[in-house]
Amino acid sequence: MTSAGVLPLTAPSPDEVGRPPGDDTPPRLESAAPREWRVSGDWTVLGLREHYEAFQRRLADAMAAEPDALWDLRGLTRLDTAGALVLWRGWGQKTPGRLLWLPEHVTLFAQFLQPPALPRRKPALGPGLARAGQRLLAFVQHGVDLVALVGRLLLDLGRMLRHPGLIGWREISANIYRTGAQALPITALVGFLVGLTLSYLISKQLKTYGADIFVINILGLAVLRELGPLLAAIIVAGRSGSAMTAQIGVMRVTQELDALSVMGISHTVRLVAPKVLALAVSLPLVALWTSALMLVGGMVAARAQLGLDPVQFLHTLPRVIEPANLWLGWAKSMIFGGLIALLASHFGLRVKPNTESLGQSVTQSVVTGITLVIVVDAVFAVLFSNVGI
């Protein structure tokens, strides 16, 4: 008999059920005092074995007899999902009003505490219009969140200018190295091959009309004004933009972003601003490097297809291409870099603490970044159609 005069309920020992003895402590349910129950031992699959129903009935009887009793779970040595489920069902699928448990127990019972999902009502406008409406709302929500992020970034940039000590020079330098210097090999290879292919096709057409020399005009204008900055931005969006989103997303999964918030450190100051500033600086340089390699590939193809001397190519290029085209390409590259970093940070901050959301956000970041770069480039082409031509 216990102090309260109630026999404790204990699972049979391993010898009683014909199993070899082990180090496990058998689960126990006993009344320690009037209106107080103690749960101790190993409430696990192996500990409970085939006695789930017995413990569940005992728990239900105790709850019915003493609904306001105190339940003490601090004596549990082990508790898994099976043991938590037995307790949950025995309590009538609710936690007692007076409950003492450890922090690690909360996680196991949290899966049972979720509110039931409300039944979905069929949309009155049909599934097609409902999906379209949901996508429109999601698009609007992205736009609102992006505008809010831009606002926070501008406010924090103003604060960083007033307090230069907040500027993360090391983060900016590291991001310039990762997005700029480490991107040079792949942009050089792609730029050279694209310039080679483009010059080969242009030369083949111009040779038909005897206008071989105009390959320099067409190639130089297309590369320095449009293709160089655009190609560099697309490569960087796929390479560096995805890495930025993944980095911030992993910080969300590992709760590092929550830790920054607890310490009072702004996400935009610590994470977003260095990435935006670094990519706005590095992408124009990468675009210039890519354009140079595209022109080198164009010279190689022009020499092979038309017999055009590379020295003549280099001497003619500055005379037929106005400097305004180069400045326009640099300006676009700077805007492209800021947009790519901003979108990557936006999708990274929206990641939920699970791996599936992380993968979806990285994909959305790359697709949205490339699409927005092409749209902005088209807008620039229309607005500055008479500049440098």
Protein backbone atom coordinates (compact mmCIF):
# COMPACT_ATOMS: atom_id res chain seq x y z
CA MET A 1 0.00 0.00 0.00
CA THR A 2 1.17 3.52 -0.74
CA SER A 3 0.85 6.46 1.60
CA ALA A 4 -2.53 7.23 0.06
CA GLY A 5 -3.73 3.66 0.44
CA VAL A 6 -3.82 2.89 -3.29
CA LEU A 7 -1.91 0.03 -4.82
CA PRO A 8 0.54 1.17 -7.54
CA LEU A 9 0.17 -0.21 -11.02
CA THR A 10 3.45 -1.60 -12.33
CA ALA A 11 4.25 -3.44 -15.53
CA PRO A 12 5.40 -7.07 -15.08
CA SER A 13 9.10 -7.59 -14.81
CA PRO A 14 11.02 -8.97 -17.79
CA ASP A 15 11.18 -12.37 -16.09
CA GLU A 16 7.39 -12.51 -15.81
CA VAL A 17 6.85 -12.03 -19.52
CA GLY A 18 9.53 -14.49 -20.52
CA ARG A 19 12.12 -11.94 -21.67
CA PRO A 20 15.71 -11.53 -20.53
CA PRO A 21 16.13 -8.96 -17.78
CA GLY A 22 17.58 -5.60 -18.75
CA ASP A 23 18.47 -2.26 -17.30
CA ASP A 24 15.05 -0.71 -18.01
CA THR A 25 13.01 0.61 -15.09
CA PRO A 26 9.44 -0.70 -15.25
CA PRO A 27 6.76 1.95 -15.67
CA ARG A 28 4.89 2.85 -12.52
CA LEU A 29 1.67 4.72 -11.77
CA GLU A 30 1.04 5.36 -8.09
CA SER A 31 -0.82 7.72 -5.81
CA ALA A 32 1.73 9.57 -3.69
CA ALA A 33 -0.72 11.64 -1.66
CA PRO A 34 -4.39 12.60 -1.70
CA ARG A 35 -5.20 13.98 -5.16
CA GLU A 36 -1.63 13.48 -6.37
CA TRP A 37 -0.40 10.88 -8.87
CA ARG A 38 3.17 10.09 -9.77
CA VAL A 39 4.23 8.61 -13.10
CA SER A 40 7.72 7.13 -13.11
CA GLY A 41 9.92 4.57 -14.81
CA ASP A 42 10.30 3.87 -18.52
CA TRP A 43 7.12 4.70 -20.42
CA THR A 44 8.38 3.43 -23.74
CA VAL A 45 7.41 0.79 -26.28
CA LEU A 46 9.63 -1.79 -24.59
CA GLY A 47 8.72 -0.69 -21.09
CA LEU A 48 4.97 -0.88 -21.57
CA ARG A 49 5.09 -3.93 -23.83
CA GLU A 50 1.60 -5.44 -24.02
CA HIS A 51 0.10 -3.52 -21.11
CA TYR A 52 -1.00 -0.36 -22.84
CA GLU A 53 -4.69 -0.94 -22.14
CA ALA A 54 -4.14 -1.68 -18.45
CA PHE A 55 -2.28 1.55 -17.85
CA GLN A 56 -4.75 3.46 -19.99
CA ARG A 57 -7.73 2.15 -17.98
CA ARG A 58 -5.96 2.95 -14.71
CA LEU A 59 -5.28 6.49 -15.90
CA ALA A 60 -8.90 6.93 -16.97
CA ASP A 61 -10.17 5.67 -13.59
CA ALA A 62 -7.85 8.02 -11.74
CA MET A 63 -8.98 11.00 -13.84
CA ALA A 64 -12.65 10.12 -13.27
CA ALA A 65 -12.19 9.70 -9.52
CA GLU A 66 -10.00 12.75 -8.97
CA PRO A 67 -10.33 15.18 -11.92
CA ASP A 68 -8.45 17.95 -10.07
CA ALA A 69 -5.54 15.75 -9.00
CA LEU A 70 -1.91 16.78 -9.44
CA TRP A 71 0.04 14.69 -11.97
CA ASP A 72 3.80 14.55 -11.49
CA LEU A 73 5.82 13.31 -14.51
CA ARG A 74 9.20 14.37 -13.21
CA GLY A 75 10.03 10.84 -12.15
CA LEU A 76 9.99 9.51 -15.69
CA THR A 77 13.34 8.11 -16.71
CA ARG A 78 12.32 7.54 -20.33
CA LEU A 79 9.33 8.66 -22.37
CA ASP A 80 8.68 8.11 -26.05
CA THR A 81 5.71 8.74 -28.33
CA ALA A 82 4.04 5.46 -27.34
CA GLY A 83 4.15 6.30 -23.63
CA ALA A 84 2.95 9.85 -24.25
CA LEU A 85 0.05 8.49 -26.29
CA VAL A 86 -1.00 6.17 -23.44
CA LEU A 87 -0.99 9.09 -21.01
CA TRP A 88 -2.84 11.31 -23.46
CA ARG A 89 -5.60 8.79 -24.06
CA GLY A 90 -5.86 7.92 -20.38
CA TRP A 91 -6.31 11.60 -19.53
CA GLY A 92 -9.19 11.85 -21.99
CA GLN A 93 -7.13 13.43 -24.80
CA LYS A 94 -6.37 16.53 -22.77
CA THR A 95 -3.74 17.58 -20.30
CA PRO A 96 -4.73 17.67 -16.62
CA GLY A 97 -5.32 21.01 -15.01
CA ARG A 98 -2.46 20.44 -12.53
CA LEU A 99 0.58 18.95 -14.24
CA LEU A 100 4.29 18.86 -13.40
CA TRP A 101 6.50 17.79 -16.29
CA LEU A 102 9.94 18.40 -17.75
CA PRO A 103 10.67 20.62 -20.76
CA GLU A 104 11.52 17.64 -22.94
CA HIS A 105 8.07 16.19 -22.32
CA VAL A 106 6.42 19.21 -23.91
CA THR A 107 7.79 18.29 -27.33
CA LEU A 108 6.27 14.81 -27.21
CA PHE A 109 2.85 16.04 -26.14
CA ALA A 110 2.89 18.99 -28.58
CA GLN A 111 1.88 16.68 -31.45
CA PHE A 112 -1.32 15.83 -29.58
CA LEU A 113 -2.05 19.42 -28.58
CA GLN A 114 -2.44 20.64 -32.20
CA PRO A 115 -5.96 21.95 -32.85
CA PRO A 116 -8.00 19.83 -35.27
CA ALA A 117 -7.95 21.04 -38.85
CA LEU A 118 -11.15 22.69 -39.94
CA PRO A 119 -12.90 21.01 -42.85
CA ARG A 120 -12.24 22.76 -46.12
CA ARG A 121 -15.25 24.18 -47.81
CA LYS A 122 -15.47 23.78 -51.52
CA PRO A 123 -14.90 27.09 -53.28
CA ALA A 124 -17.99 28.54 -54.81
CA LEU A 125 -16.10 29.80 -57.89
CA GLY A 126 -14.59 26.47 -58.88
CA PRO A 127 -11.16 24.96 -58.23
CA GLY A 128 -9.49 26.80 -61.13
CA LEU A 129 -10.50 30.26 -59.97
CA ALA A 130 -9.73 29.32 -56.37
CA ARG A 131 -6.16 28.34 -57.26
CA ALA A 132 -5.76 31.52 -59.30
CA GLY A 133 -6.99 33.56 -56.36
CA GLN A 134 -4.61 31.83 -53.98
CA ARG A 135 -1.66 32.46 -56.29
CA LEU A 136 -2.66 36.08 -56.67
CA LEU A 137 -2.86 36.49 -52.91
CA ALA A 138 0.53 34.79 -52.51
CA PHE A 139 2.02 37.12 -55.13
CA VAL A 140 0.58 40.18 -53.36
CA GLN A 141 1.91 38.92 -50.02
CA HIS A 142 5.37 38.50 -51.53
CA GLY A 143 5.18 42.05 -52.86
CA VAL A 144 4.12 43.47 -49.50
CA ASP A 145 6.87 41.57 -47.65
CA LEU A 146 9.46 42.66 -50.20
CA VAL A 147 8.46 46.31 -49.87
CA ALA A 148 8.64 45.98 -46.08
CA LEU A 149 12.12 44.45 -46.38
CA VAL A 150 13.25 47.32 -48.61
CA GLY A 151 11.89 49.81 -46.08
CA ARG A 152 13.71 48.13 -43.20
CA LEU A 153 16.88 47.98 -45.29
CA LEU A 154 16.74 51.72 -46.09
CA LEU A 155 16.15 52.59 -42.44
CA ASP A 156 19.03 50.37 -41.33
CA LEU A 157 21.32 51.78 -44.02
CA GLY A 158 20.60 55.26 -42.67
CA ARG A 159 21.39 54.05 -39.17
CA MET A 160 24.60 52.42 -40.40
CA LEU A 161 25.69 55.69 -42.02
CA ARG A 162 25.13 57.52 -38.73
CA HIS A 163 26.93 54.77 -36.80
CA PRO A 164 29.70 53.33 -39.05
CA GLY A 165 30.57 50.78 -36.39
CA LEU A 166 27.46 48.81 -37.38
CA ILE A 167 28.77 48.24 -40.92
CA GLY A 168 29.92 44.65 -41.31
CA TRP A 169 33.02 45.21 -43.39
CA ARG A 170 34.15 41.60 -42.98
CA GLU A 171 30.78 40.27 -44.15
CA ILE A 172 30.81 42.62 -47.13
CA SER A 173 34.37 41.60 -48.04
CA ALA A 174 33.55 37.89 -47.68
CA ASN A 175 30.45 38.23 -49.86
CA ILE A 176 32.38 40.14 -52.53
CA TYR A 177 34.90 37.32 -52.61
CA ARG A 178 32.26 34.60 -52.78
CA THR A 179 30.01 36.30 -55.34
CA GLY A 180 32.76 37.98 -57.35
CA ALA A 181 36.16 36.33 -57.28
CA GLN A 182 34.86 32.77 -57.03
CA ALA A 183 32.45 33.37 -59.93
CA LEU A 184 35.17 34.39 -62.39
CA PRO A 185 36.02 30.90 -63.73
CA ILE A 186 32.47 29.88 -64.63
CA THR A 187 31.59 33.29 -66.07
CA ALA A 188 34.80 33.27 -68.14
CA LEU A 189 34.02 29.86 -69.63
CA VAL A 190 30.38 30.64 -70.37
CA GLY A 191 31.18 34.12 -71.68
CA PHE A 192 33.88 32.87 -74.03
CA LEU A 193 31.68 30.13 -75.47
CA VAL A 194 28.68 32.43 -75.90
CA GLY A 195 30.81 35.08 -77.59
CA LEU A 196 32.34 32.44 -79.84
CA THR A 197 28.92 31.10 -80.88
CA LEU A 198 27.37 34.54 -81.34
CA SER A 199 30.27 35.85 -83.43
CA TYR A 200 30.27 32.72 -85.56
CA LEU A 201 26.59 33.09 -86.42
CA ILE A 202 26.85 36.85 -87.05
CA SER A 203 29.95 36.42 -89.21
CA LYS A 204 28.26 33.75 -91.29
CA GLN A 205 25.38 36.11 -92.12
CA LEU A 206 27.49 39.21 -92.71
CA LYS A 207 29.84 37.30 -94.99
CA THR A 208 26.91 36.67 -97.31
CA TYR A 209 26.44 40.43 -97.86
CA GLY A 210 30.11 41.37 -97.81
CA ALA A 211 29.77 43.40 -94.59
CA ASP A 212 32.42 41.55 -92.63
CA ILE A 213 33.72 44.57 -90.74
CA PHE A 214 30.33 45.26 -89.14
CA VAL A 215 30.71 42.18 -86.95
CA ILE A 216 32.66 44.44 -84.56
CA ASN A 217 29.78 46.93 -84.32
CA ILE A 218 27.10 44.31 -83.73
CA LEU A 219 29.10 42.15 -81.35
CA GLY A 220 30.51 45.05 -79.33
CA LEU A 221 27.14 46.76 -78.92
CA ALA A 222 25.29 43.54 -78.03
CA VAL A 223 27.93 42.36 -75.56
CA LEU A 224 28.75 45.56 -73.68
CA ARG A 225 25.19 46.87 -73.56
CA GLU A 226 23.00 43.77 -73.14
CA LEU A 227 24.46 40.28 -73.21
CA GLY A 228 27.43 40.76 -70.89
CA PRO A 229 25.50 42.23 -67.92
CA LEU A 230 22.51 39.95 -68.53
CA LEU A 231 24.54 36.75 -68.78
CA ALA A 232 26.60 37.62 -65.69
CA ALA A 233 23.43 38.40 -63.72
CA ILE A 234 21.78 35.11 -64.69
CA ILE A 235 24.84 33.09 -63.69
CA VAL A 236 25.22 34.95 -60.40
CA ALA A 237 21.49 34.58 -59.65
CA GLY A 238 21.72 30.82 -60.09
CA ARG A 239 25.03 30.47 -58.31
CA SER A 240 25.22 33.10 -55.57
CA GLY A 241 21.52 33.91 -55.17
CA SER A 242 20.68 30.31 -54.33
CA ALA A 243 23.61 30.15 -51.90
CA MET A 244 22.39 33.27 -50.09
CA THR A 245 18.87 31.93 -49.78
CA ALA A 246 20.15 28.57 -48.54
CA GLN A 247 22.43 30.24 -45.99
CA ILE A 248 19.66 32.33 -44.45
CA GLY A 249 17.20 29.43 -44.71
CA VAL A 250 19.50 27.10 -42.80
CA MET A 251 19.84 29.78 -40.14
CA ARG A 252 16.04 29.72 -39.87
CA VAL A 253 15.98 25.91 -39.58
CA THR A 254 18.71 25.91 -36.92
CA GLN A 255 17.01 28.82 -35.07
CA GLU A 256 20.02 31.12 -35.50
CA LEU A 257 17.72 33.88 -36.74
CA ASP A 258 15.71 33.56 -33.54
CA ALA A 259 18.92 33.82 -31.56
CA LEU A 260 19.83 37.05 -33.39
CA SER A 261 16.40 38.45 -32.58
CA VAL A 262 16.80 37.51 -28.91
CA MET A 263 20.16 39.32 -28.81
CA GLY A 264 18.58 42.39 -30.43
CA ILE A 265 20.59 42.16 -33.67
CA SER A 266 18.75 43.31 -36.79
CA HIS A 267 18.55 40.73 -39.59
CA THR A 268 18.90 43.43 -42.23
CA VAL A 269 22.02 44.92 -40.62
CA ARG A 270 23.72 41.58 -40.04
CA LEU A 271 22.59 39.57 -43.07
CA VAL A 272 20.73 41.49 -45.77
CA ALA A 273 22.70 44.74 -46.04
CA PRO A 274 26.15 43.10 -46.47
CA LYS A 275 24.81 40.83 -49.22
CA VAL A 276 23.06 43.64 -51.10
CA LEU A 277 26.05 45.97 -50.92
CA ALA A 278 28.54 43.24 -51.83
CA LEU A 279 26.61 42.01 -54.86
CA ALA A 280 25.93 45.57 -56.06
CA VAL A 281 29.71 46.09 -56.08
CA SER A 282 30.86 42.71 -57.39
CA LEU A 283 28.33 42.11 -60.19
CA PRO A 284 29.44 45.10 -62.37
CA LEU A 285 32.99 43.78 -62.16
CA VAL A 286 31.85 40.26 -63.03
CA ALA A 287 29.80 41.67 -65.92
CA LEU A 288 32.85 43.54 -67.25
CA TRP A 289 34.91 40.35 -66.99
CA THR A 290 32.21 38.34 -68.75
CA SER A 291 31.90 40.94 -71.52
CA ALA A 292 35.67 40.91 -72.05
CA LEU A 293 35.71 37.11 -72.41
CA MET A 294 32.74 37.26 -74.78
CA LEU A 295 34.64 39.73 -76.97
CA VAL A 296 37.68 37.45 -76.88
CA GLY A 297 35.52 34.56 -78.06
CA GLY A 298 34.05 36.84 -80.73
CA MET A 299 37.56 37.75 -81.94
CA VAL A 300 38.51 34.10 -82.20
CA ALA A 301 35.42 33.27 -84.26
CA ALA A 302 35.85 36.39 -86.46
CA ARG A 303 39.43 35.43 -87.16
CA ALA A 304 38.47 31.85 -88.04
CA GLN A 305 35.36 32.74 -90.09
CA LEU A 306 36.27 36.08 -91.68
CA GLY A 307 40.03 36.25 -91.31
CA LEU A 308 39.66 39.46 -89.25
CA ASP A 309 42.87 40.40 -87.46
CA PRO A 310 42.46 40.67 -83.62
CA VAL A 311 44.53 43.88 -83.60
CA GLN A 312 42.13 45.47 -86.06
CA PHE A 313 39.24 44.23 -83.94
CA LEU A 314 40.64 45.91 -80.81
CA HIS A 315 41.45 49.15 -82.63
CA THR A 316 38.03 49.43 -84.25
CA LEU A 317 35.95 48.54 -81.19
CA PRO A 318 36.48 51.82 -79.21
CA ARG A 319 35.71 53.90 -82.31
CA VAL A 320 32.39 52.26 -83.16
CA ILE A 321 31.02 51.73 -79.62
CA GLU A 322 30.22 54.82 -77.57
CA PRO A 323 31.25 54.84 -73.88
CA ALA A 324 27.60 55.40 -72.90
CA ASN A 325 26.91 51.73 -73.68
CA LEU A 326 29.57 50.64 -71.21
CA TRP A 327 28.23 52.92 -68.49
CA LEU A 328 24.70 51.72 -69.14
CA GLY A 329 25.82 48.11 -68.80
CA TRP A 330 27.57 48.87 -65.52
CA ALA A 331 24.53 50.71 -64.13
CA LYS A 332 22.26 47.80 -65.01
CA SER A 333 24.67 45.34 -63.42
CA MET A 334 24.66 47.29 -60.17
CA ILE A 335 20.85 47.25 -60.08
CA PHE A 336 20.80 43.56 -61.01
CA GLY A 337 23.16 42.76 -58.14
CA GLY A 338 21.07 44.60 -55.57
CA LEU A 339 17.85 42.95 -56.80
CA ILE A 340 19.32 39.45 -56.77
CA ALA A 341 20.67 39.82 -53.23
CA LEU A 342 17.43 41.41 -52.04
CA LEU A 343 15.28 38.62 -53.48
CA ALA A 344 17.62 35.94 -52.12
CA SER A 345 17.40 37.46 -48.64
CA HIS A 346 13.62 37.85 -48.93
CA PHE A 347 13.05 34.19 -49.75
CA GLY A 348 15.63 33.10 -47.18
CA LEU A 349 13.84 34.97 -44.40
CA ARG A 350 10.52 33.38 -45.43
CA VAL A 351 11.84 29.83 -44.98
CA LYS A 352 9.92 27.77 -42.44
CA PRO A 353 11.83 25.52 -40.01
CA ASN A 354 11.75 22.42 -42.24
CA THR A 355 13.84 21.12 -45.13
CA GLU A 356 10.97 21.04 -47.61
CA SER A 357 10.38 24.78 -47.24
CA LEU A 358 14.11 25.37 -47.62
CA GLY A 359 14.22 23.61 -50.99
CA GLN A 360 11.13 25.42 -52.24
CA SER A 361 12.48 28.82 -51.21
CA VAL A 362 15.81 28.23 -52.95
CA THR A 363 14.01 27.27 -56.16
CA GLN A 364 11.69 30.27 -55.96
CA SER A 365 14.63 32.56 -55.29
CA VAL A 366 16.54 31.46 -58.40
CA VAL A 367 13.51 31.49 -60.70
CA THR A 368 12.23 34.84 -59.45
CA GLY A 369 15.70 36.40 -59.57
CA ILE A 370 16.36 35.35 -63.17
CA THR A 371 12.87 36.39 -64.27
CA LEU A 372 13.11 39.80 -62.61
CA VAL A 373 16.56 40.41 -64.11
CA ILE A 374 15.21 39.76 -67.62
CA VAL A 375 12.17 41.99 -67.00
CA VAL A 376 14.30 44.86 -65.69
CA ASP A 377 16.70 44.46 -68.62
CA ALA A 378 13.79 44.73 -71.05
CA VAL A 379 12.59 47.89 -69.29
CA PHE A 380 16.08 49.39 -69.56
CA ALA A 381 16.24 48.48 -73.26
CA VAL A 382 13.01 50.38 -73.93
CA LEU A 383 13.77 53.41 -71.77
CA PHE A 384 17.35 53.88 -73.06
CA SER A 385 16.79 52.79 -76.65
CA ASN A 386 18.24 56.04 -78.01
CA VAL A 387 21.26 56.20 -75.67
CA GLY A 388 24.59 55.26 -77.20
CA ILE A 389 23.14 54.13 -80.53
